[in-house]
PDB file of all heavy atoms in Angstrom:
ATOM      1  N   ILE A   1      89.274  77.216-117.277  1.00  0.00           N
ATOM      2  CA  ILE A   1      90.600  77.110-116.725  1.00  0.00           C
ATOM      3  C   ILE A   1      90.953  78.447-116.054  1.00  0.00           C
ATOM      4  O   ILE A   1      91.455  78.482-114.916  1.00  0.00           O
ATOM      5  CB  ILE A   1      91.613  76.604-117.805  1.00  0.00           C
ATOM      6  CG1 ILE A   1      91.400  75.251-118.252  1.00  0.00           C
ATOM      7  CG2 ILE A   1      93.051  76.865-117.262  1.00  0.00           C
ATOM      8  CD1 ILE A   1      92.275  74.706-119.427  1.00  0.00           C
ATOM      9  N   ALA A   2      90.700  79.605-116.740  1.00  0.00           N
ATOM     10  CA  ALA A   2      90.918  80.855-116.354  1.00  0.00           C
ATOM     11  C   ALA A   2      90.072  81.153-114.988  1.00  0.00           C
ATOM     12  O   ALA A   2      90.759  81.786-114.030  1.00  0.00           O
ATOM     13  CB  ALA A   2      90.598  82.024-117.286  1.00  0.00           C
ATOM     14  N   ARG A   3      88.941  80.716-115.017  1.00  0.00           N
ATOM     15  CA  ARG A   3      87.941  80.915-113.806  1.00  0.00           C
ATOM     16  C   ARG A   3      88.663  80.054-112.629  1.00  0.00           C
ATOM     17  O   ARG A   3      88.714  80.516-111.403  1.00  0.00           O
ATOM     18  CB  ARG A   3      86.635  80.577-114.014  1.00  0.00           C
ATOM     19  CG  ARG A   3      85.743  80.834-112.788  1.00  0.00           C
ATOM     20  CD  ARG A   3      84.246  80.556-113.143  1.00  0.00           C
ATOM     21  NE  ARG A   3      83.404  80.864-112.105  1.00  0.00           N
ATOM     22  CZ  ARG A   3      83.104  80.116-110.990  1.00  0.00           C
ATOM     23  NH1 ARG A   3      83.673  78.885-110.850  1.00  0.00           N
ATOM     24  NH2 ARG A   3      82.301  80.620-110.071  1.00  0.00           N
ATOM     25  N   GLU A   4      89.015  78.889-112.892  1.00  0.00           N
ATOM     26  CA  GLU A   4      89.743  78.075-111.817  1.00  0.00           C
ATOM     27  C   GLU A   4      90.977  78.685-111.261  1.00  0.00           C
ATOM     28  O   GLU A   4      91.330  78.570-110.170  1.00  0.00           O
ATOM     29  CB  GLU A   4      90.016  76.697-112.284  1.00  0.00           C
ATOM     30  CG  GLU A   4      88.804  75.756-112.617  1.00  0.00           C
ATOM     31  CD  GLU A   4      88.085  75.492-111.371  1.00  0.00           C
ATOM     32  OE1 GLU A   4      88.791  75.147-110.368  1.00  0.00           O
ATOM     33  OE2 GLU A   4      86.828  75.393-111.380  1.00  0.00           O
ATOM     34  N   MET A   5      91.675  79.508-112.140  1.00  0.00           N
ATOM     35  CA  MET A   5      92.944  80.063-111.717  1.00  0.00           C
ATOM     36  C   MET A   5      92.657  81.509-111.112  1.00  0.00           C
ATOM     37  O   MET A   5      93.593  82.152-110.585  1.00  0.00           O
ATOM     38  CB  MET A   5      93.786  80.306-112.904  1.00  0.00           C
ATOM     39  CG  MET A   5      94.367  79.021-113.558  1.00  0.00           C
ATOM     40  SD  MET A   5      95.557  79.150-114.764  1.00  0.00           S
ATOM     41  CE  MET A   5      96.939  79.538-113.733  1.00  0.00           C
ATOM     42  N   GLY A   6      91.383  81.907-110.966  1.00  0.00           N
ATOM     43  CA  GLY A   6      91.176  83.044-110.193  1.00  0.00           C
ATOM     44  C   GLY A   6      90.542  84.184-110.975  1.00  0.00           C
ATOM     45  O   GLY A   6      90.255  85.311-110.398  1.00  0.00           O
ATOM     46  N   ALA A   7      90.321  84.087-112.205  1.00  0.00           N
ATOM     47  CA  ALA A   7      89.646  85.153-113.006  1.00  0.00           C
ATOM     48  C   ALA A   7      88.345  85.441-112.366  1.00  0.00           C
ATOM     49  O   ALA A   7      87.476  84.587-112.002  1.00  0.00           O
ATOM     50  CB  ALA A   7      89.547  84.648-114.425  1.00  0.00           C
ATOM     51  N   PRO A   8      87.939  86.790-112.244  1.00  0.00           N
ATOM     52  CA  PRO A   8      86.610  87.161-111.663  1.00  0.00           C
ATOM     53  C   PRO A   8      85.438  87.019-112.579  1.00  0.00           C
ATOM     54  O   PRO A   8      84.763  88.039-112.872  1.00  0.00           O
ATOM     55  CB  PRO A   8      86.922  88.630-111.264  1.00  0.00           C
ATOM     56  CG  PRO A   8      87.970  89.158-112.274  1.00  0.00           C
ATOM     57  CD  PRO A   8      88.835  87.997-112.595  1.00  0.00           C
ATOM     58  N   ILE A   9      85.381  85.847-113.000  1.00  0.00           N
ATOM     59  CA  ILE A   9      84.158  85.441-113.969  1.00  0.00           C
ATOM     60  C   ILE A   9      83.226  84.703-113.245  1.00  0.00           C
ATOM     61  O   ILE A   9      83.547  83.701-112.482  1.00  0.00           O
ATOM     62  CB  ILE A   9      84.624  84.681-115.130  1.00  0.00           C
ATOM     63  CG1 ILE A   9      85.669  85.531-115.987  1.00  0.00           C
ATOM     64  CG2 ILE A   9      83.495  84.219-115.969  1.00  0.00           C
ATOM     65  CD1 ILE A   9      86.353  84.621-116.973  1.00  0.00           C
ATOM     66  N   ASP A  10      81.885  85.172-113.166  1.00  0.00           N
ATOM     67  CA  ASP A  10      80.904  84.610-112.310  1.00  0.00           C
ATOM     68  C   ASP A  10      80.238  83.384-112.938  1.00  0.00           C
ATOM     69  O   ASP A  10      79.683  82.526-112.433  1.00  0.00           O
ATOM     70  CB  ASP A  10      79.812  85.569-111.832  1.00  0.00           C
ATOM     71  CG  ASP A  10      80.317  86.572-110.829  1.00  0.00           C
ATOM     72  OD1 ASP A  10      81.128  87.550-111.280  1.00  0.00           O
ATOM     73  OD2 ASP A  10      80.277  86.372-109.634  1.00  0.00           O
ATOM     74  N   GLY A  11      80.126  83.511-114.354  1.00  0.00           N
ATOM     75  CA  GLY A  11      79.379  82.416-115.177  1.00  0.00           C
ATOM     76  C   GLY A  11      79.690  82.519-116.556  1.00  0.00           C
ATOM     77  O   GLY A  11      80.398  83.534-117.079  1.00  0.00           O
ATOM     78  N   PHE A  12      79.227  81.610-117.349  1.00  0.00           N
ATOM     79  CA  PHE A  12      79.289  81.510-118.818  1.00  0.00           C
ATOM     80  C   PHE A  12      78.105  81.221-119.379  1.00  0.00           C
ATOM     81  O   PHE A  12      77.175  80.717-118.850  1.00  0.00           O
ATOM     82  CB  PHE A  12      80.399  80.346-119.137  1.00  0.00           C
ATOM     83  CG  PHE A  12      81.708  80.495-118.619  1.00  0.00           C
ATOM     84  CD1 PHE A  12      82.116  80.126-117.186  1.00  0.00           C
ATOM     85  CD2 PHE A  12      82.826  81.041-119.299  1.00  0.00           C
ATOM     86  CE1 PHE A  12      83.282  80.182-116.701  1.00  0.00           C
ATOM     87  CE2 PHE A  12      84.078  81.218-118.823  1.00  0.00           C
ATOM     88  CZ  PHE A  12      84.243  80.837-117.510  1.00  0.00           C
ATOM     89  N   VAL A  13      77.990  81.605-120.697  1.00  0.00           N
ATOM     90  CA  VAL A  13      76.865  81.315-121.523  1.00  0.00           C
ATOM     91  C   VAL A  13      77.461  80.454-122.640  1.00  0.00           C
ATOM     92  O   VAL A  13      78.321  80.983-123.508  1.00  0.00           O
ATOM     93  CB  VAL A  13      76.130  82.469-122.127  1.00  0.00           C
ATOM     94  CG1 VAL A  13      75.003  81.969-122.971  1.00  0.00           C
ATOM     95  CG2 VAL A  13      75.607  83.451-121.029  1.00  0.00           C
ATOM     96  N   ALA A  14      77.045  79.175-122.871  1.00  0.00           N
ATOM     97  CA  ALA A  14      77.562  78.432-123.954  1.00  0.00           C
ATOM     98  C   ALA A  14      76.495  78.633-125.077  1.00  0.00           C
ATOM     99  O   ALA A  14      75.372  78.279-125.121  1.00  0.00           O
ATOM    100  CB  ALA A  14      77.372  76.916-123.541  1.00  0.00           C
ATOM    101  N   ALA A  15      76.907  79.473-126.099  1.00  0.00           N
ATOM    102  CA  ALA A  15      76.018  79.953-127.161  1.00  0.00           C
ATOM    103  C   ALA A  15      76.489  79.159-128.438  1.00  0.00           C
ATOM    104  O   ALA A  15      77.528  79.248-128.945  1.00  0.00           O
ATOM    105  CB  ALA A  15      76.207  81.387-127.419  1.00  0.00           C
ATOM    106  N   THR A  16      75.531  78.398-129.038  1.00  0.00           N
ATOM    107  CA  THR A  16      75.732  77.614-130.209  1.00  0.00           C
ATOM    108  C   THR A  16      74.681  77.920-131.334  1.00  0.00           C
ATOM    109  O   THR A  16      73.835  78.601-131.113  1.00  0.00           O
ATOM    110  CB  THR A  16      75.672  76.094-129.986  1.00  0.00           C
ATOM    111  OG1 THR A  16      74.262  75.744-129.852  1.00  0.00           O
ATOM    112  CG2 THR A  16      76.429  75.748-128.611  1.00  0.00           C
ATOM    113  N   ASN A  17      75.124  77.504-132.515  1.00  0.00           N
ATOM    114  CA  ASN A  17      74.218  77.654-133.715  1.00  0.00           C
ATOM    115  C   ASN A  17      73.226  76.342-133.613  1.00  0.00           C
ATOM    116  O   ASN A  17      73.077  75.750-132.515  1.00  0.00           O
ATOM    117  CB  ASN A  17      74.981  77.738-134.940  1.00  0.00           C
ATOM    118  CG  ASN A  17      76.007  76.634-135.209  1.00  0.00           C
ATOM    119  OD1 ASN A  17      75.839  75.570-134.769  1.00  0.00           O
ATOM    120  ND2 ASN A  17      76.945  76.942-135.957  1.00  0.00           N
ATOM    121  N   SER A  18      72.798  75.922-134.784  1.00  0.00           N
ATOM    122  CA  SER A  18      71.854  74.758-134.868  1.00  0.00           C
ATOM    123  C   SER A  18      72.467  73.400-134.358  1.00  0.00           C
ATOM    124  O   SER A  18      71.839  72.503-134.182  1.00  0.00           O
ATOM    125  CB  SER A  18      71.352  74.704-136.245  1.00  0.00           C
ATOM    126  OG  SER A  18      70.448  75.783-136.556  1.00  0.00           O
ATOM    127  N   ASN A  19      73.952  73.336-134.269  1.00  0.00           N
ATOM    128  CA  ASN A  19      74.495  72.283-133.676  1.00  0.00           C
ATOM    129  C   ASN A  19      74.596  72.443-132.120  1.00  0.00           C
ATOM    130  O   ASN A  19      75.545  72.785-131.595  1.00  0.00           O
ATOM    131  CB  ASN A  19      75.980  72.260-134.274  1.00  0.00           C
ATOM    132  CG  ASN A  19      75.959  72.047-135.741  1.00  0.00           C
ATOM    133  OD1 ASN A  19      75.828  70.921-136.240  1.00  0.00           O
ATOM    134  ND2 ASN A  19      76.057  73.152-136.561  1.00  0.00           N
ATOM    135  N   HIS A  20      73.400  72.098-131.590  1.00  0.00           N
ATOM    136  CA  HIS A  20      73.197  72.340-130.145  1.00  0.00           C
ATOM    137  C   HIS A  20      73.390  71.210-129.199  1.00  0.00           C
ATOM    138  O   HIS A  20      72.585  70.852-128.262  1.00  0.00           O
ATOM    139  CB  HIS A  20      71.892  73.135-129.836  1.00  0.00           C
ATOM    140  CG  HIS A  20      70.825  72.594-130.565  1.00  0.00           C
ATOM    141  ND1 HIS A  20      69.832  71.650-130.002  1.00  0.00           N
ATOM    142  CD2 HIS A  20      70.233  72.747-131.764  1.00  0.00           C
ATOM    143  CE1 HIS A  20      68.873  71.342-130.843  1.00  0.00           C
ATOM    144  NE2 HIS A  20      69.083  72.125-131.953  1.00  0.00           N
ATOM    145  N   THR A  21      74.200  70.383-129.472  1.00  0.00           N
ATOM    146  CA  THR A  21      74.505  69.197-128.669  1.00  0.00           C
ATOM    147  C   THR A  21      74.824  69.449-127.283  1.00  0.00           C
ATOM    148  O   THR A  21      74.171  68.778-126.326  1.00  0.00           O
ATOM    149  CB  THR A  21      75.798  68.328-129.315  1.00  0.00           C
ATOM    150  OG1 THR A  21      75.618  68.030-130.605  1.00  0.00           O
ATOM    151  CG2 THR A  21      76.035  67.018-128.523  1.00  0.00           C
ATOM    152  N   VAL A  22      75.580  70.295-126.890  1.00  0.00           N
ATOM    153  CA  VAL A  22      75.864  70.646-125.511  1.00  0.00           C
ATOM    154  C   VAL A  22      74.901  71.368-124.875  1.00  0.00           C
ATOM    155  O   VAL A  22      74.363  70.985-123.564  1.00  0.00           O
ATOM    156  CB  VAL A  22      77.208  71.490-125.362  1.00  0.00           C
ATOM    157  CG1 VAL A  22      77.394  72.026-123.945  1.00  0.00           C
ATOM    158  CG2 VAL A  22      78.382  70.546-125.733  1.00  0.00           C
ATOM    159  N   PRO A  23      74.092  72.477-125.334  1.00  0.00           N
ATOM    160  CA  PRO A  23      72.881  72.915-124.648  1.00  0.00           C
ATOM    161  C   PRO A  23      71.808  71.763-124.405  1.00  0.00           C
ATOM    162  O   PRO A  23      71.279  71.851-123.368  1.00  0.00           O
ATOM    163  CB  PRO A  23      72.344  73.894-125.743  1.00  0.00           C
ATOM    164  CG  PRO A  23      73.551  74.535-126.311  1.00  0.00           C
ATOM    165  CD  PRO A  23      74.453  73.212-126.517  1.00  0.00           C
ATOM    166  N   ASP A  24      71.779  70.775-125.456  1.00  0.00           N
ATOM    167  CA  ASP A  24      70.723  69.709-125.071  1.00  0.00           C
ATOM    168  C   ASP A  24      71.299  68.873-123.958  1.00  0.00           C
ATOM    169  O   ASP A  24      70.425  68.441-123.124  1.00  0.00           O
ATOM    170  CB  ASP A  24      70.618  68.797-126.374  1.00  0.00           C
ATOM    171  CG  ASP A  24      69.826  69.456-127.499  1.00  0.00           C
ATOM    172  OD1 ASP A  24      69.379  70.650-127.207  1.00  0.00           O
ATOM    173  OD2 ASP A  24      69.791  68.993-128.591  1.00  0.00           O
ATOM    174  N   TRP A  25      72.462  68.659-123.825  1.00  0.00           N
ATOM    175  CA  TRP A  25      73.111  67.870-122.574  1.00  0.00           C
ATOM    176  C   TRP A  25      72.776  68.748-121.428  1.00  0.00           C
ATOM    177  O   TRP A  25      72.418  68.029-120.368  1.00  0.00           O
ATOM    178  CB  TRP A  25      74.582  67.719-122.897  1.00  0.00           C
ATOM    179  CG  TRP A  25      75.315  67.255-121.713  1.00  0.00           C
ATOM    180  CD1 TRP A  25      75.034  66.181-121.022  1.00  0.00           C
ATOM    181  CD2 TRP A  25      76.461  67.902-121.079  1.00  0.00           C
ATOM    182  NE1 TRP A  25      76.011  66.087-119.880  1.00  0.00           N
ATOM    183  CE2 TRP A  25      76.736  67.146-119.852  1.00  0.00           C
ATOM    184  CE3 TRP A  25      77.141  69.065-121.232  1.00  0.00           C
ATOM    185  CZ2 TRP A  25      77.812  67.482-119.044  1.00  0.00           C
ATOM    186  CZ3 TRP A  25      78.066  69.515-120.451  1.00  0.00           C
ATOM    187  CH2 TRP A  25      78.459  68.652-119.327  1.00  0.00           C
ATOM    188  N   ILE A  26      73.071  69.963-121.329  1.00  0.00           N
ATOM    189  CA  ILE A  26      72.929  70.839-120.219  1.00  0.00           C
ATOM    190  C   ILE A  26      71.359  70.695-119.707  1.00  0.00           C
ATOM    191  O   ILE A  26      71.090  70.537-118.560  1.00  0.00           O
ATOM    192  CB  ILE A  26      73.277  72.180-120.390  1.00  0.00           C
ATOM    193  CG1 ILE A  26      74.919  72.248-120.512  1.00  0.00           C
ATOM    194  CG2 ILE A  26      72.949  73.020-119.202  1.00  0.00           C
ATOM    195  CD1 ILE A  26      75.472  73.557-120.802  1.00  0.00           C
ATOM    196  N   SER A  27      70.543  70.694-120.733  1.00  0.00           N
ATOM    197  CA  SER A  27      69.175  70.736-120.496  1.00  0.00           C
ATOM    198  C   SER A  27      68.631  69.449-120.027  1.00  0.00           C
ATOM    199  O   SER A  27      67.834  69.297-119.073  1.00  0.00           O
ATOM    200  CB  SER A  27      68.412  71.176-121.716  1.00  0.00           C
ATOM    201  OG  SER A  27      66.910  71.232-121.516  1.00  0.00           O
ATOM    202  N   THR A  28      68.967  68.377-120.710  1.00  0.00           N
ATOM    203  CA  THR A  28      68.337  67.027-120.432  1.00  0.00           C
ATOM    204  C   THR A  28      69.181  65.991-119.584  1.00  0.00           C
ATOM    205  O   THR A  28      68.776  65.069-119.046  1.00  0.00           O
ATOM    206  CB  THR A  28      68.028  66.219-121.708  1.00  0.00           C
ATOM    207  OG1 THR A  28      69.294  65.917-122.493  1.00  0.00           O
ATOM    208  CG2 THR A  28      67.270  67.182-122.628  1.00  0.00           C
ATOM    209  N   GLY A  29      70.554  66.345-119.496  1.00  0.00           N
ATOM    210  CA  GLY A  29      71.429  65.469-118.901  1.00  0.00           C
ATOM    211  C   GLY A  29      72.054  64.254-119.736  1.00  0.00           C
ATOM    212  O   GLY A  29      72.699  63.379-119.322  1.00  0.00           O
ATOM    213  N   LYS A  30      71.578  64.268-120.969  1.00  0.00           N
ATOM    214  CA  LYS A  30      71.941  63.236-122.044  1.00  0.00           C
ATOM    215  C   LYS A  30      72.833  63.744-122.986  1.00  0.00           C
ATOM    216  O   LYS A  30      72.365  64.851-123.773  1.00  0.00           O
ATOM    217  CB  LYS A  30      70.736  62.573-122.494  1.00  0.00           C
ATOM    218  CG  LYS A  30      69.799  61.789-121.568  1.00  0.00           C
ATOM    219  CD  LYS A  30      68.619  61.207-122.194  1.00  0.00           C
ATOM    220  CE  LYS A  30      67.658  60.451-121.190  1.00  0.00           C
ATOM    221  NZ  LYS A  30      66.468  60.028-121.990  1.00  0.00           N
ATOM    222  N   TYR A  31      74.009  63.344-123.108  1.00  0.00           N
ATOM    223  CA  TYR A  31      74.894  63.760-124.164  1.00  0.00           C
ATOM    224  C   TYR A  31      74.822  62.926-125.418  1.00  0.00           C
ATOM    225  O   TYR A  31      75.051  61.617-125.360  1.00  0.00           O
ATOM    226  CB  TYR A  31      76.431  63.766-123.698  1.00  0.00           C
ATOM    227  CG  TYR A  31      77.361  64.220-124.867  1.00  0.00           C
ATOM    228  CD1 TYR A  31      77.514  65.513-125.154  1.00  0.00           C
ATOM    229  CD2 TYR A  31      78.202  63.220-125.340  1.00  0.00           C
ATOM    230  CE1 TYR A  31      78.426  65.815-126.075  1.00  0.00           C
ATOM    231  CE2 TYR A  31      79.078  63.596-126.336  1.00  0.00           C
ATOM    232  CZ  TYR A  31      79.194  64.899-126.737  1.00  0.00           C
ATOM    233  OH  TYR A  31      80.063  65.241-127.766  1.00  0.00           O
ATOM    234  N   THR A  32      74.227  63.478-126.581  1.00  0.00           N
ATOM    235  CA  THR A  32      74.020  62.667-127.752  1.00  0.00           C
ATOM    236  C   THR A  32      74.685  63.491-128.838  1.00  0.00           C
ATOM    237  O   THR A  32      74.075  64.262-129.566  1.00  0.00           O
ATOM    238  CB  THR A  32      72.575  62.615-128.055  1.00  0.00           C
ATOM    239  OG1 THR A  32      71.746  62.280-126.724  1.00  0.00           O
ATOM    240  CG2 THR A  32      72.101  61.705-129.130  1.00  0.00           C
ATOM    241  N   PRO A  33      75.851  62.981-129.229  1.00  0.00           N
ATOM    242  CA  PRO A  33      76.647  63.508-130.471  1.00  0.00           C
ATOM    243  C   PRO A  33      75.811  63.110-131.679  1.00  0.00           C
ATOM    244  O   PRO A  33      75.120  62.148-131.703  1.00  0.00           O
ATOM    245  CB  PRO A  33      77.866  62.886-130.360  1.00  0.00           C
ATOM    246  CG  PRO A  33      77.763  61.640-129.544  1.00  0.00           C
ATOM    247  CD  PRO A  33      76.727  61.938-128.535  1.00  0.00           C
ATOM    248  N   ARG A  34      75.964  63.963-132.709  1.00  0.00           N
ATOM    249  CA  ARG A  34      75.056  63.775-133.877  1.00  0.00           C
ATOM    250  C   ARG A  34      75.783  64.481-135.125  1.00  0.00           C
ATOM    251  O   ARG A  34      76.858  65.214-134.811  1.00  0.00           O
ATOM    252  CB  ARG A  34      73.781  64.540-133.688  1.00  0.00           C
ATOM    253  CG  ARG A  34      73.939  66.043-133.546  1.00  0.00           C
ATOM    254  CD  ARG A  34      72.734  66.688-132.993  1.00  0.00           C
ATOM    255  NE  ARG A  34      72.623  66.219-131.453  1.00  0.00           N
ATOM    256  CZ  ARG A  34      71.931  66.939-130.583  1.00  0.00           C
ATOM    257  NH1 ARG A  34      71.046  67.778-131.049  1.00  0.00           N
ATOM    258  NH2 ARG A  34      71.972  66.455-129.303  1.00  0.00           N
ATOM    259  N   PRO A  35      75.492  64.142-136.273  1.00  0.00           N
ATOM    260  CA  PRO A  35      76.110  64.703-137.531  1.00  0.00           C
ATOM    261  C   PRO A  35      75.917  66.189-137.442  1.00  0.00           C
ATOM    262  O   PRO A  35      74.903  66.717-137.060  1.00  0.00           O
ATOM    263  CB  PRO A  35      75.401  64.091-138.667  1.00  0.00           C
ATOM    264  CG  PRO A  35      74.829  62.901-138.143  1.00  0.00           C
ATOM    265  CD  PRO A  35      74.444  63.098-136.722  1.00  0.00           C
ATOM    266  N   SER A  36      76.955  66.974-137.858  1.00  0.00           N
ATOM    267  CA  SER A  36      76.879  68.336-137.844  1.00  0.00           C
ATOM    268  C   SER A  36      76.099  68.819-138.924  1.00  0.00           C
ATOM    269  O   SER A  36      75.954  68.235-140.030  1.00  0.00           O
ATOM    270  CB  SER A  36      78.322  68.966-137.901  1.00  0.00           C
ATOM    271  OG  SER A  36      79.014  68.631-139.189  1.00  0.00           O
ATOM    272  N   ILE A  37      75.507  70.172-138.746  1.00  0.00           N
ATOM    273  CA  ILE A  37      74.598  70.886-139.688  1.00  0.00           C
ATOM    274  C   ILE A  37      75.444  72.000-140.209  1.00  0.00           C
ATOM    275  O   ILE A  37      75.971  72.765-139.478  1.00  0.00           O
ATOM    276  CB  ILE A  37      73.317  71.350-139.052  1.00  0.00           C
ATOM    277  CG1 ILE A  37      72.589  70.026-138.450  1.00  0.00           C
ATOM    278  CG2 ILE A  37      72.439  72.022-139.922  1.00  0.00           C
ATOM    279  CD1 ILE A  37      71.424  70.350-137.524  1.00  0.00           C
ATOM    280  N   ALA A  38      75.306  72.304-141.477  1.00  0.00           N
ATOM    281  CA  ALA A  38      76.048  73.494-141.933  1.00  0.00           C
ATOM    282  C   ALA A  38      75.220  74.768-141.704  1.00  0.00           C
ATOM    283  O   ALA A  38      74.052  74.725-141.862  1.00  0.00           O
ATOM    284  CB  ALA A  38      76.165  73.370-143.515  1.00  0.00           C
ATOM    285  N   THR A  39      75.807  75.857-141.314  1.00  0.00           N
ATOM    286  CA  THR A  39      75.199  77.054-140.847  1.00  0.00           C
ATOM    287  C   THR A  39      76.166  78.299-141.259  1.00  0.00           C
ATOM    288  O   THR A  39      77.185  78.194-141.734  1.00  0.00           O
ATOM    289  CB  THR A  39      75.109  77.252-139.291  1.00  0.00           C
ATOM    290  OG1 THR A  39      76.337  77.542-138.651  1.00  0.00           O
ATOM    291  CG2 THR A  39      74.413  75.833-138.749  1.00  0.00           C
ATOM    292  N   LEU A  40      75.621  79.493-140.988  1.00  0.00           N
ATOM    293  CA  LEU A  40      76.423  80.676-141.406  1.00  0.00           C
ATOM    294  C   LEU A  40      77.598  80.911-140.423  1.00  0.00           C
ATOM    295  O   LEU A  40      78.479  81.591-140.812  1.00  0.00           O
ATOM    296  CB  LEU A  40      75.459  81.918-141.342  1.00  0.00           C
ATOM    297  CG  LEU A  40      74.209  82.037-142.336  1.00  0.00           C
ATOM    298  CD1 LEU A  40      73.399  83.143-142.092  1.00  0.00           C
ATOM    299  CD2 LEU A  40      74.849  81.882-143.733  1.00  0.00           C
ATOM    300  N   SER A  41      77.549  80.279-139.348  1.00  0.00           N
ATOM    301  CA  SER A  41      78.621  80.473-138.317  1.00  0.00           C
ATOM    302  C   SER A  41      79.379  79.107-138.322  1.00  0.00           C
ATOM    303  O   SER A  41      79.480  78.470-137.429  1.00  0.00           O
ATOM    304  CB  SER A  41      78.031  80.693-136.855  1.00  0.00           C
ATOM    305  OG  SER A  41      77.064  79.785-136.590  1.00  0.00           O
ATOM    306  N   ASN A  42      80.028  78.796-139.493  1.00  0.00           N
ATOM    307  CA  ASN A  42      80.458  77.596-139.817  1.00  0.00           C
ATOM    308  C   ASN A  42      81.528  77.029-138.902  1.00  0.00           C
ATOM    309  O   ASN A  42      81.768  75.819-138.897  1.00  0.00           O
ATOM    310  CB  ASN A  42      81.057  77.405-141.249  1.00  0.00           C
ATOM    311  CG  ASN A  42      82.193  78.674-141.489  1.00  0.00           C
ATOM    312  OD1 ASN A  42      82.018  79.774-141.765  1.00  0.00           O
ATOM    313  ND2 ASN A  42      83.436  78.029-141.416  1.00  0.00           N
ATOM    314  N   ALA A  43      82.410  77.953-138.261  1.00  0.00           N
ATOM    315  CA  ALA A  43      83.438  77.497-137.378  1.00  0.00           C
ATOM    316  C   ALA A  43      82.922  76.723-136.154  1.00  0.00           C
ATOM    317  O   ALA A  43      83.595  75.998-135.474  1.00  0.00           O
ATOM    318  CB  ALA A  43      84.171  78.497-136.985  1.00  0.00           C
ATOM    319  N   MET A  44      81.565  76.911-136.059  1.00  0.00           N
ATOM    320  CA  MET A  44      80.817  76.298-134.811  1.00  0.00           C
ATOM    321  C   MET A  44      80.051  75.068-135.311  1.00  0.00           C
ATOM    322  O   MET A  44      79.181  74.540-134.517  1.00  0.00           O
ATOM    323  CB  MET A  44      80.013  77.339-134.144  1.00  0.00           C
ATOM    324  CG  MET A  44      80.712  78.543-133.589  1.00  0.00           C
ATOM    325  SD  MET A  44      79.761  79.919-133.466  1.00  0.00           S
ATOM    326  CE  MET A  44      78.362  79.412-132.363  1.00  0.00           C
ATOM    327  N   ASP A  45      80.220  74.589-136.537  1.00  0.00           N
ATOM    328  CA  ASP A  45      79.388  73.561-137.052  1.00  0.00           C
ATOM    329  C   ASP A  45      80.010  72.164-136.570  1.00  0.00           C
ATOM    330  O   ASP A  45      80.608  71.429-137.283  1.00  0.00           O
ATOM    331  CB  ASP A  45      79.357  73.594-138.566  1.00  0.00           C
ATOM    332  CG  ASP A  45      78.496  74.635-138.963  1.00  0.00           C
ATOM    333  OD1 ASP A  45      77.851  75.372-138.223  1.00  0.00           O
ATOM    334  OD2 ASP A  45      78.555  75.012-140.283  1.00  0.00           O
ATOM    335  N   VAL A  46      79.784  71.800-135.296  1.00  0.00           N
ATOM    336  CA  VAL A  46      80.362  70.690-134.722  1.00  0.00           C
ATOM    337  C   VAL A  46      79.327  69.847-133.978  1.00  0.00           C
ATOM    338  O   VAL A  46      78.641  70.459-132.995  1.00  0.00           O
ATOM    339  CB  VAL A  46      81.523  71.012-133.666  1.00  0.00           C
ATOM    340  CG1 VAL A  46      82.124  69.745-133.154  1.00  0.00           C
ATOM    341  CG2 VAL A  46      82.491  71.894-134.394  1.00  0.00           C
TER     342      VAL A  46
END
């Protein structure tokens, strides 16, 4: 949203833990939600 409003951001890195549903989607084109896995970065366990 910030970039759409003019923020001088050229790109983003979507960085996840072992719950890598979105990186897999970006890589394969298939969005496959799955049960979450518990990790040390627990706020990202989605």
